[in-house]
Amino acid sequence: MPGKPQVLQPERDLMIDQPLPDDARRAAEVIRRADIVVGIPSYNNGRTIGHVVRAVYAGLAKYYPQLTGVVINSDGGSTDNTQTAVLSSRVEDNHLLLFSTPLLAAHRLSFPYHGVPGKGSAFRLIFQMAKQLDAKACAVVDSDLRSITPEWIDLLVRPILFAGYDLVTPYYQRHKYDGTITNSIVYPLTRMLYGLGVRQPIGGEFGISARLVSRYLEREDWETDVARYGIDIWMTTIAIAEGFRVCQSFLGAKLHDAKDPGSDLTAMLEQVVGSVFMLMQEYKSVWQDRSGCTPAELFGFRFDVGLDPVQVNVERMITSFRAGCHELGEIWALALEKDTLAAVRRLGGCPPDGAESFHLDDELWARVVLDFACAYKKNPVSRGLILRSFTPLYLGRVASFVRETETLVASEVEEKIEQLCLTFQSLKPHLLARWEANSVRSHRPQPPQAPCRRELHEQNLEV
């Protein structure tokens, strides 16, 4: 019945390559259609997911009371109380606080996804359900969020429903040491390549149009790293590179289960960076001739928020970098140009008591990233090894960034990230020259690139 949780048990003999799992297909047949689908991927998130479900429900009730909504938890085989928390969360109380008029009750579903374990596989099932239900808009939110509010659902969905956008990416205020993979690699590289300033291309919360959902499901790379941590940048890159309309919505603070950037993030780093490099090959004809940068439109009202501190172990990161200098010289020599490799080795040779002055500057770091992108393209047999060897270099860069920004406030740190982006842009001719080095025809040099305007247009959408 609408508004009541449905416990759906998977078929044990289900074929993994079936377009839609039987349990999900049966649920779709019962519901028939929906206007909005909100997906919540999860794995052992019982402590936080109940709050996320209540916020999603309240958002649908407050902002879209006359539309049909479906909330789908796509679970990766949790062994805690995640699914129970989804199905037992008290959502009706939220409605009483918000409205005195009748509402269309939202459906609430929870079932496990099938396929490669990871967030991408969870998204695939959510997208399949959205397409099956002919949803006008789909949104996805992380299951470990502590700062999500009902307004997030409106900010992710409204540009899709009423302004013709295809992808809504999040724009957060985050602690200066939260999101270091985004700040040091994915944001500056994506912005340089495709010419659109999307501040959080792997943010975790997205709004997606029906036509973009269909495009994602047409793809044949769901069994790659896209099925794991690579899904967010995969979604953003496809939308930008293929000409879909992309915007951002300001969501305030992102408070979640953040990790020390120096902790073991090797798998995440490898999958995210590998996905970026893979897509660079596919969309080379798009990015090779693009120059300059335009900021993606920003919706919502910007305001300052308090942020949780992120603990960082700088000494451990520097130790890992130095160990890489000693142990990974052969594979780094395969990836890096001679001058870049020499500069990295000099930095690794600094005495341990020189940690206070440890500095991996913007230009050296950008050259490292671009050289690794080219090495990934030119050495397909060694790609796994190349990506794994990248981790100590990343840790060195983060350690340097932490040292450099310890006393800076958020706006000053953002300016540092802006300068890194401009450094990446200035090195695009270097990337093109290396990318084409082994090709029959070398690409002609690109003109200097205009900086991305930092002003983001704040807009409010009316129904």
Protein backbone atom coordinates (compact mmCIF):
# COMPACT_ATOMS: atom_id res chain seq x y z
CA MET A 1 0.00 0.00 0.00
CA PRO A 2 1.24 3.55 -0.65
CA GLY A 3 2.97 5.12 2.32
CA LYS A 4 3.81 1.82 4.01
CA PRO A 5 7.25 0.21 3.98
CA GLN A 6 7.57 -2.85 1.77
CA VAL A 7 10.05 -5.55 2.71
CA LEU A 8 11.15 -7.16 -0.52
CA GLN A 9 13.23 -10.32 -0.46
CA PRO A 10 15.55 -11.07 -3.39
CA GLU A 11 15.33 -14.20 -5.45
CA ARG A 12 18.33 -16.40 -4.59
CA ASP A 13 18.77 -17.65 -8.17
CA LEU A 14 18.53 -14.19 -9.75
CA MET A 15 20.75 -13.68 -12.79
CA ILE A 16 23.14 -10.78 -12.25
CA ASP A 17 22.85 -9.54 -15.83
CA GLN A 18 19.04 -9.32 -15.72
CA PRO A 19 17.96 -5.73 -16.58
CA LEU A 20 16.01 -5.24 -13.33
CA PRO A 21 16.06 -7.61 -10.35
CA ASP A 22 12.82 -9.46 -9.75
CA ASP A 23 12.13 -7.82 -6.38
CA ALA A 24 12.56 -4.33 -7.82
CA ARG A 25 10.50 -5.21 -10.90
CA ARG A 26 7.62 -6.45 -8.73
CA ALA A 27 7.72 -3.26 -6.68
CA ALA A 28 7.66 -1.14 -9.85
CA GLU A 29 4.64 -3.08 -11.13
CA VAL A 30 2.77 -2.33 -7.89
CA ILE A 31 3.64 1.38 -7.84
CA ARG A 32 3.30 1.78 -11.63
CA ARG A 33 4.63 5.34 -11.92
CA ALA A 34 6.22 8.12 -9.89
CA ASP A 35 7.07 11.77 -10.39
CA ILE A 36 10.19 11.80 -8.19
CA VAL A 37 12.51 8.96 -7.17
CA VAL A 38 15.02 9.55 -4.37
CA GLY A 39 17.71 6.91 -3.96
CA ILE A 40 19.84 6.24 -0.89
CA PRO A 41 22.72 3.76 -1.43
CA SER A 42 23.95 2.16 1.77
CA TYR A 43 26.28 -0.31 3.40
CA ASN A 44 26.21 -0.66 7.19
CA ASN A 45 24.81 2.82 7.76
CA GLY A 46 22.22 1.93 10.39
CA ARG A 47 23.41 4.70 12.71
CA THR A 48 22.71 7.54 10.25
CA ILE A 49 20.32 6.38 7.54
CA GLY A 50 17.15 6.84 9.60
CA HIS A 51 17.80 10.58 9.78
CA VAL A 52 18.43 10.68 6.01
CA VAL A 53 15.14 8.88 5.27
CA ARG A 54 13.19 11.26 7.51
CA ALA A 55 14.75 14.30 5.84
CA VAL A 56 13.96 12.95 2.36
CA TYR A 57 10.38 12.17 3.32
CA ALA A 58 9.91 15.61 4.86
CA GLY A 59 11.38 17.25 1.75
CA LEU A 60 8.99 15.44 -0.56
CA ALA A 61 6.04 16.27 1.71
CA LYS A 62 6.92 19.95 2.16
CA TYR A 63 7.92 20.89 -1.37
CA TYR A 64 6.09 18.38 -3.59
CA PRO A 65 2.96 17.33 -1.69
CA GLN A 66 0.91 16.75 -4.84
CA LEU A 67 3.52 14.68 -6.67
CA THR A 68 4.12 10.96 -6.27
CA GLY A 69 7.44 10.17 -4.61
CA VAL A 70 9.35 6.94 -4.13
CA VAL A 71 12.24 6.60 -1.66
CA ILE A 72 14.52 3.69 -2.54
CA ASN A 73 17.26 2.31 -0.30
CA SER A 74 19.66 0.31 -2.49
CA ASP A 75 21.72 -1.70 -0.02
CA GLY A 76 25.03 -3.48 -0.51
CA GLY A 77 24.38 -6.37 1.88
CA SER A 78 24.56 -4.59 5.23
CA THR A 79 25.03 -6.78 8.27
CA ASP A 80 23.83 -4.16 10.75
CA ASN A 81 20.34 -2.68 11.10
CA THR A 82 20.48 -0.48 7.98
CA GLN A 83 17.44 -1.88 6.19
CA THR A 84 15.46 -2.08 9.42
CA ALA A 85 16.27 1.57 10.12
CA VAL A 86 15.02 2.53 6.65
CA LEU A 87 11.74 0.69 6.96
CA SER A 88 11.02 1.57 10.58
CA SER A 89 11.89 5.28 10.58
CA ARG A 90 8.94 7.37 11.78
CA VAL A 91 8.23 9.68 8.88
CA GLU A 92 4.56 10.45 9.48
CA ASP A 93 5.38 12.84 12.31
CA ASN A 94 7.24 15.06 9.87
CA HIS A 95 4.08 15.49 7.82
CA LEU A 96 2.10 16.67 10.82
CA LEU A 97 4.65 19.38 11.50
CA LEU A 98 4.56 20.68 7.95
CA PHE A 99 1.03 20.44 6.62
CA SER A 100 -2.60 20.34 7.60
CA THR A 101 -3.76 19.45 4.07
CA PRO A 102 -3.91 15.94 2.58
CA LEU A 103 -0.70 14.66 1.01
CA LEU A 104 0.19 12.04 -1.52
CA ALA A 105 2.03 9.44 0.55
CA ALA A 106 5.50 8.45 -0.64
CA HIS A 107 6.44 4.84 -1.12
CA ARG A 108 9.41 3.54 0.85
CA LEU A 109 11.37 0.56 -0.48
CA SER A 110 14.52 -1.24 0.56
CA PHE A 111 16.21 -4.06 -1.26
CA PRO A 112 19.74 -5.23 -2.06
CA TYR A 113 21.32 -4.48 -5.41
CA HIS A 114 23.15 -7.06 -7.50
CA GLY A 115 26.39 -6.94 -9.43
CA VAL A 116 29.81 -5.52 -8.59
CA PRO A 117 29.85 -4.40 -4.93
CA GLY A 118 29.94 -0.63 -4.73
CA LYS A 119 28.08 2.65 -4.80
CA GLY A 120 27.83 2.64 -8.60
CA SER A 121 25.92 -0.65 -8.63
CA ALA A 122 23.54 0.81 -6.05
CA PHE A 123 22.98 3.82 -8.29
CA ARG A 124 22.35 1.60 -11.28
CA LEU A 125 19.44 -0.07 -9.54
CA ILE A 126 18.04 3.31 -8.47
CA PHE A 127 18.28 4.58 -12.06
CA GLN A 128 16.61 1.43 -13.39
CA MET A 129 13.73 1.94 -10.99
CA ALA A 130 13.43 5.62 -11.94
CA LYS A 131 13.24 4.71 -15.61
CA GLN A 132 10.78 1.89 -14.98
CA LEU A 133 8.54 4.28 -13.03
CA ASP A 134 8.86 6.98 -15.70
CA ALA A 135 10.05 9.47 -13.08
CA LYS A 136 10.45 13.09 -14.14
CA ALA A 137 13.36 13.58 -11.75
CA CYS A 138 15.69 11.36 -9.76
CA ALA A 139 17.86 12.39 -6.81
CA VAL A 140 20.48 10.47 -4.87
CA VAL A 141 21.86 11.27 -1.43
CA ASP A 142 24.49 9.58 0.75
CA SER A 143 23.39 7.48 3.71
CA ASP A 144 25.93 8.81 6.23
CA LEU A 145 24.79 12.45 6.12
CA ARG A 146 24.20 14.26 9.40
CA SER A 147 23.54 17.69 7.90
CA ILE A 148 20.86 16.83 5.33
CA THR A 149 17.66 18.87 5.62
CA PRO A 150 14.31 18.67 3.77
CA GLU A 151 15.45 21.67 1.68
CA TRP A 152 18.16 19.52 0.07
CA ILE A 153 15.51 17.53 -1.81
CA ASP A 154 13.99 20.69 -3.23
CA LEU A 155 17.39 22.11 -4.19
CA LEU A 156 18.34 18.90 -6.02
CA VAL A 157 15.00 18.38 -7.77
CA ARG A 158 13.62 21.85 -8.57
CA PRO A 159 16.20 22.76 -11.28
CA ILE A 160 15.31 19.48 -13.01
CA LEU A 161 11.54 19.90 -12.85
CA PHE A 162 11.21 23.64 -13.49
CA ALA A 163 14.39 24.96 -15.15
CA GLY A 164 15.26 22.28 -17.68
CA TYR A 165 18.57 21.14 -16.16
CA ASP A 166 19.75 17.55 -16.52
CA LEU A 167 22.27 17.28 -13.68
CA VAL A 168 22.33 19.16 -10.39
CA THR A 169 25.59 18.84 -8.49
CA PRO A 170 26.02 19.87 -4.86
CA TYR A 171 27.86 22.96 -3.68
CA TYR A 172 28.89 22.62 -0.04
CA GLN A 173 30.88 24.36 2.57
CA ARG A 174 33.35 21.74 3.81
CA HIS A 175 36.24 21.72 6.22
CA LYS A 176 39.44 22.71 4.44
CA TYR A 177 40.83 19.17 4.85
CA ASP A 178 37.64 17.33 3.90
CA GLY A 179 37.39 16.39 0.22
CA THR A 180 41.11 16.45 -0.58
CA ILE A 181 40.72 14.15 -3.61
CA THR A 182 38.24 16.67 -5.01
CA ASN A 183 40.28 19.74 -4.17
CA SER A 184 43.68 18.50 -5.31
CA ILE A 185 42.79 16.35 -8.34
CA VAL A 186 39.23 15.99 -9.57
CA TYR A 187 38.01 19.58 -9.47
CA PRO A 188 41.03 21.28 -11.08
CA LEU A 189 41.49 18.51 -13.66
CA THR A 190 37.83 18.31 -14.68
CA ARG A 191 37.56 22.08 -14.88
CA MET A 192 40.70 22.30 -17.04
CA LEU A 193 39.60 19.53 -19.38
CA TYR A 194 35.95 20.34 -20.02
CA GLY A 195 35.77 24.08 -19.35
CA LEU A 196 32.96 24.06 -16.78
CA GLY A 197 33.52 25.01 -13.15
CA VAL A 198 31.69 22.36 -11.10
CA ARG A 199 33.03 22.73 -7.57
CA GLN A 200 31.99 19.32 -6.24
CA PRO A 201 32.06 16.90 -9.19
CA ILE A 202 32.20 13.91 -6.81
CA GLY A 203 30.02 15.36 -4.09
CA GLY A 204 27.67 12.41 -3.52
CA GLU A 205 24.33 14.22 -3.82
CA PHE A 206 22.85 14.74 -7.29
CA GLY A 207 19.65 15.54 -9.12
CA ILE A 208 19.22 13.81 -12.51
CA SER A 209 16.72 14.29 -15.33
CA ALA A 210 14.87 11.43 -16.99
CA ARG A 211 16.83 11.78 -20.23
CA LEU A 212 20.18 11.72 -18.42
CA VAL A 213 19.10 8.67 -16.41
CA SER A 214 18.37 6.93 -19.72
CA ARG A 215 21.78 7.92 -21.07
CA TYR A 216 23.55 6.50 -18.02
CA LEU A 217 21.69 3.21 -18.37
CA GLU A 218 22.69 2.94 -22.05
CA ARG A 219 26.37 2.80 -21.09
CA GLU A 220 28.28 -0.48 -21.12
CA ASP A 221 30.93 0.30 -18.48
CA TRP A 222 28.94 -0.59 -15.37
CA GLU A 223 31.28 -3.47 -14.54
CA THR A 224 34.35 -1.19 -14.26
CA ASP A 225 35.39 1.11 -11.39
CA VAL A 226 32.23 3.06 -12.24
CA ALA A 227 30.40 0.45 -10.17
CA ARG A 228 32.45 1.48 -7.13
CA TYR A 229 33.80 4.89 -6.11
CA GLY A 230 34.10 6.07 -9.72
CA ILE A 231 30.38 6.63 -10.17
CA ASP A 232 30.20 10.31 -9.14
CA ILE A 233 32.86 11.64 -11.51
CA TRP A 234 31.54 9.33 -14.24
CA MET A 235 28.10 10.92 -13.94
CA THR A 236 29.45 14.47 -13.91
CA THR A 237 31.88 13.97 -16.80
CA ILE A 238 29.34 12.33 -19.10
CA ALA A 239 26.84 15.12 -18.48
CA ILE A 240 29.38 17.89 -19.19
CA ALA A 241 31.13 16.22 -22.12
CA GLU A 242 27.93 15.22 -23.91
CA GLY A 243 26.29 18.63 -23.66
CA PHE A 244 23.66 18.01 -20.98
CA ARG A 245 22.69 21.05 -18.90
CA VAL A 246 24.56 21.07 -15.59
CA CYS A 247 24.11 23.36 -12.59
CA GLN A 248 24.93 23.45 -8.87
CA SER A 249 22.79 23.94 -5.77
CA PHE A 250 24.11 25.32 -2.51
CA LEU A 251 23.34 22.82 0.25
CA GLY A 252 25.19 24.40 3.16
CA ALA A 253 27.48 22.18 5.22
CA LYS A 254 28.25 18.59 4.40
CA LEU A 255 28.66 16.84 7.73
CA HIS A 256 29.24 13.14 7.33
CA ASP A 257 31.61 10.39 8.42
CA ALA A 258 34.73 12.18 7.20
CA LYS A 259 38.12 10.45 7.23
CA ASP A 260 41.67 11.59 7.75
CA PRO A 261 43.08 12.10 4.22
CA GLY A 262 46.17 10.21 5.40
CA SER A 263 44.17 7.09 6.28
CA ASP A 264 43.93 4.19 3.83
CA LEU A 265 42.00 5.73 0.92
CA THR A 266 43.96 3.79 -1.70
CA ALA A 267 40.96 1.99 -3.21
CA MET A 268 38.87 5.16 -3.42
CA LEU A 269 41.73 7.16 -4.91
CA GLU A 270 42.53 4.45 -7.45
CA GLN A 271 38.93 4.08 -8.59
CA VAL A 272 38.15 7.79 -8.78
CA VAL A 273 41.37 8.75 -10.55
CA GLY A 274 41.16 5.70 -12.81
CA SER A 275 37.66 6.72 -13.86
CA VAL A 276 38.83 10.27 -14.64
CA PHE A 277 41.70 8.94 -16.77
CA MET A 278 39.47 6.42 -18.54
CA LEU A 279 36.97 9.13 -19.47
CA MET A 280 39.78 11.39 -20.70
CA GLN A 281 40.45 8.83 -23.42
CA GLU A 282 36.81 8.55 -24.41
CA TYR A 283 36.21 12.30 -24.56
CA LYS A 284 39.57 13.44 -25.92
CA SER A 285 37.88 14.91 -28.99
CA VAL A 286 35.81 17.06 -26.63
CA TRP A 287 38.49 18.41 -24.29
CA GLN A 288 41.38 18.82 -26.71
CA ASP A 289 39.92 21.97 -28.27
CA ARG A 290 38.25 23.47 -25.22
CA SER A 291 39.86 26.45 -23.54
CA GLY A 292 38.94 28.75 -20.71
CA CYS A 293 36.30 28.02 -18.10
CA THR A 294 32.71 29.01 -17.39
CA PRO A 295 31.25 28.54 -13.90
CA ALA A 296 28.22 26.28 -13.64
CA GLU A 297 25.13 28.19 -12.53
CA LEU A 298 24.54 28.12 -8.79
CA PHE A 299 21.07 27.96 -7.25
CA GLY A 300 20.15 28.53 -3.64
CA PHE A 301 21.02 31.04 -0.95
CA ARG A 302 24.64 30.98 0.23
CA PHE A 303 25.40 31.32 3.94
CA ASP A 304 28.20 30.52 6.37
CA VAL A 305 27.96 27.41 8.50
CA GLY A 306 29.90 25.71 11.29
CA LEU A 307 31.98 22.70 10.27
CA ASP A 308 33.32 19.64 12.07
CA PRO A 309 37.11 19.52 12.41
CA VAL A 310 39.05 16.95 10.37
CA GLN A 311 42.09 15.42 12.06
CA VAL A 312 45.11 15.06 9.77
CA ASN A 313 48.32 13.12 10.44
CA VAL A 314 50.84 15.04 8.36
CA GLU A 315 53.90 13.12 9.52
CA ARG A 316 52.38 9.81 8.44
CA MET A 317 51.61 11.21 4.97
CA ILE A 318 55.14 12.54 4.53
CA THR A 319 56.54 9.19 5.65
CA SER A 320 54.41 7.43 3.03
CA PHE A 321 55.62 9.85 0.36
CA ARG A 322 59.26 9.27 1.24
CA ALA A 323 58.73 5.50 1.25
CA GLY A 324 57.28 5.78 -2.25
CA CYS A 325 60.34 7.72 -3.40
CA HIS A 326 62.53 4.82 -2.28
CA GLU A 327 60.35 1.92 -3.39
CA LEU A 328 58.45 3.08 -6.50
CA GLY A 329 61.19 4.70 -8.55
CA GLU A 330 60.84 2.25 -11.44
CA ILE A 331 57.11 2.71 -11.92
CA TRP A 332 57.34 6.48 -11.37
CA ALA A 333 60.02 6.62 -14.06
CA LEU A 334 57.48 5.02 -16.40
CA ALA A 335 54.89 7.69 -15.58
CA LEU A 336 56.79 10.92 -14.99
CA GLU A 337 58.92 13.07 -17.25
CA LYS A 338 62.59 13.18 -16.25
CA ASP A 339 62.51 16.71 -14.83
CA THR A 340 59.34 16.01 -12.87
CA LEU A 341 60.72 12.76 -11.49
CA ALA A 342 63.95 14.49 -10.47
CA ALA A 343 62.02 17.20 -8.60
CA VAL A 344 59.93 14.59 -6.80
CA ARG A 345 63.02 12.63 -5.78
CA ARG A 346 64.71 15.76 -4.46
CA LEU A 347 61.68 16.41 -2.31
CA GLY A 348 61.71 12.83 -1.06
CA GLY A 349 65.36 13.14 -0.14
CA CYS A 350 64.79 15.99 2.32
CA PRO A 351 65.86 15.03 5.87
CA PRO A 352 63.03 13.86 8.19
CA ASP A 353 63.56 16.90 10.43
CA GLY A 354 62.66 19.07 7.45
CA ALA A 355 58.97 18.14 7.61
CA GLU A 356 58.02 21.66 8.66
CA SER A 357 59.30 23.04 5.34
CA PHE A 358 58.00 20.17 3.17
CA HIS A 359 56.44 21.73 0.08
CA LEU A 360 55.13 20.11 -3.11
CA ASP A 361 54.20 23.18 -5.12
CA ASP A 362 51.23 23.65 -7.48
CA GLU A 363 53.13 23.35 -10.76
CA LEU A 364 55.02 20.21 -9.76
CA TRP A 365 51.80 18.63 -8.51
CA ALA A 366 49.86 19.50 -11.68
CA ARG A 367 52.65 18.03 -13.82
CA VAL A 368 52.57 14.84 -11.75
CA VAL A 369 48.81 14.43 -12.26
CA LEU A 370 48.95 15.14 -16.00
CA ASP A 371 51.94 12.84 -16.51
CA PHE A 372 50.10 10.03 -14.75
CA ALA A 373 47.06 10.60 -16.98
CA CYS A 374 49.26 10.19 -20.05
CA ALA A 375 51.01 7.13 -18.59
CA TYR A 376 47.62 5.53 -17.90
CA LYS A 377 46.71 6.01 -21.56
CA LYS A 378 49.97 4.73 -22.99
CA ASN A 379 50.52 1.70 -20.70
CA PRO A 380 47.23 -0.24 -20.60
CA VAL A 381 48.89 -3.40 -19.25
CA SER A 382 50.33 -1.53 -16.25
CA ARG A 383 47.36 0.67 -15.38
CA GLY A 384 46.61 -0.94 -12.04
CA LEU A 385 50.22 -0.62 -10.94
CA ILE A 386 50.41 2.98 -12.16
CA LEU A 387 47.29 3.99 -10.22
CA ARG A 388 48.41 2.25 -7.02
CA SER A 389 51.80 3.94 -7.18
CA PHE A 390 50.05 7.32 -7.31
CA THR A 391 48.90 7.19 -3.67
CA PRO A 392 52.20 8.28 -2.00
CA LEU A 393 52.40 11.26 -4.35
CA TYR A 394 48.85 12.26 -3.46
CA LEU A 395 49.65 11.98 0.24
CA GLY A 396 52.71 14.15 -0.27
CA ARG A 397 50.59 16.82 -1.93
CA VAL A 398 47.97 16.73 0.84
CA ALA A 399 50.67 16.99 3.51
CA SER A 400 52.14 20.00 1.72
CA PHE A 401 48.70 21.61 1.39
CA VAL A 402 47.98 21.13 5.09
CA ARG A 403 51.30 22.72 6.06
CA GLU A 404 50.64 25.62 3.71
CA THR A 405 47.09 26.34 4.92
CA GLU A 406 47.24 25.60 8.66
CA THR A 407 46.62 29.23 9.62
CA LEU A 408 44.30 30.17 6.74
CA VAL A 409 40.55 30.68 6.94
CA ALA A 410 38.10 29.06 4.51
CA SER A 411 38.04 31.91 1.98
CA GLU A 412 41.85 31.98 1.84
CA VAL A 413 42.00 28.22 1.34
CA GLU A 414 39.48 28.50 -1.48
CA GLU A 415 41.73 31.07 -3.11
CA LYS A 416 44.62 28.59 -2.90
CA ILE A 417 42.49 26.00 -4.68
CA GLU A 418 41.60 28.59 -7.32
CA GLN A 419 45.30 29.19 -7.95
CA LEU A 420 45.85 25.45 -8.34
CA CYS A 421 43.08 25.35 -10.94
CA LEU A 422 44.72 28.15 -12.90
CA THR A 423 48.02 26.26 -12.77
CA PHE A 424 46.32 23.19 -14.26
CA GLN A 425 44.80 25.34 -17.00
CA SER A 426 48.19 26.87 -17.87
CA LEU A 427 49.60 23.35 -18.36
CA LYS A 428 46.99 22.13 -20.83
CA PRO A 429 49.45 22.53 -23.75
CA HIS A 430 51.85 20.29 -21.80
CA LEU A 431 49.10 17.68 -21.47
CA LEU A 432 48.25 17.82 -25.17
CA ALA A 433 51.90 17.51 -26.19
CA ARG A 434 52.46 14.47 -23.98
CA TRP A 435 49.11 12.91 -24.90
CA GLU A 436 49.97 13.04 -28.60
CA ALA A 437 53.67 12.20 -28.20
CA ASN A 438 53.30 8.72 -29.66
CA SER A 439 50.65 9.62 -32.22
CA VAL A 440 51.22 10.05 -35.93
CA ARG A 441 49.89 13.62 -35.82
CA SER A 442 50.78 15.93 -32.98
CA HIS A 443 48.20 18.43 -31.83
CA ARG A 444 48.90 22.07 -32.48
CA PRO A 445 49.62 24.19 -29.37
CA GLN A 446 46.61 25.68 -27.64
CA PRO A 447 46.31 29.40 -26.90
CA PRO A 448 46.60 30.57 -23.28
CA GLN A 449 43.46 29.75 -21.37
CA ALA A 450 41.26 32.31 -19.74
CA PRO A 451 40.68 31.85 -16.02
CA CYS A 452 37.35 30.61 -14.79
CA ARG A 453 35.24 33.43 -13.40
CA ARG A 454 34.84 32.76 -9.69
CA GLU A 455 31.58 34.65 -9.41
CA LEU A 456 28.74 32.15 -9.17
CA HIS A 457 25.26 33.32 -10.01
CA GLU A 458 22.82 32.78 -7.17
CA GLN A 459 19.35 32.14 -8.43
CA ASN A 460 16.02 31.16 -6.95
CA LEU A 461 13.54 29.11 -8.93
CA GLU A 462 9.81 29.56 -8.73
CA VAL A 463 7.32 26.84 -9.50
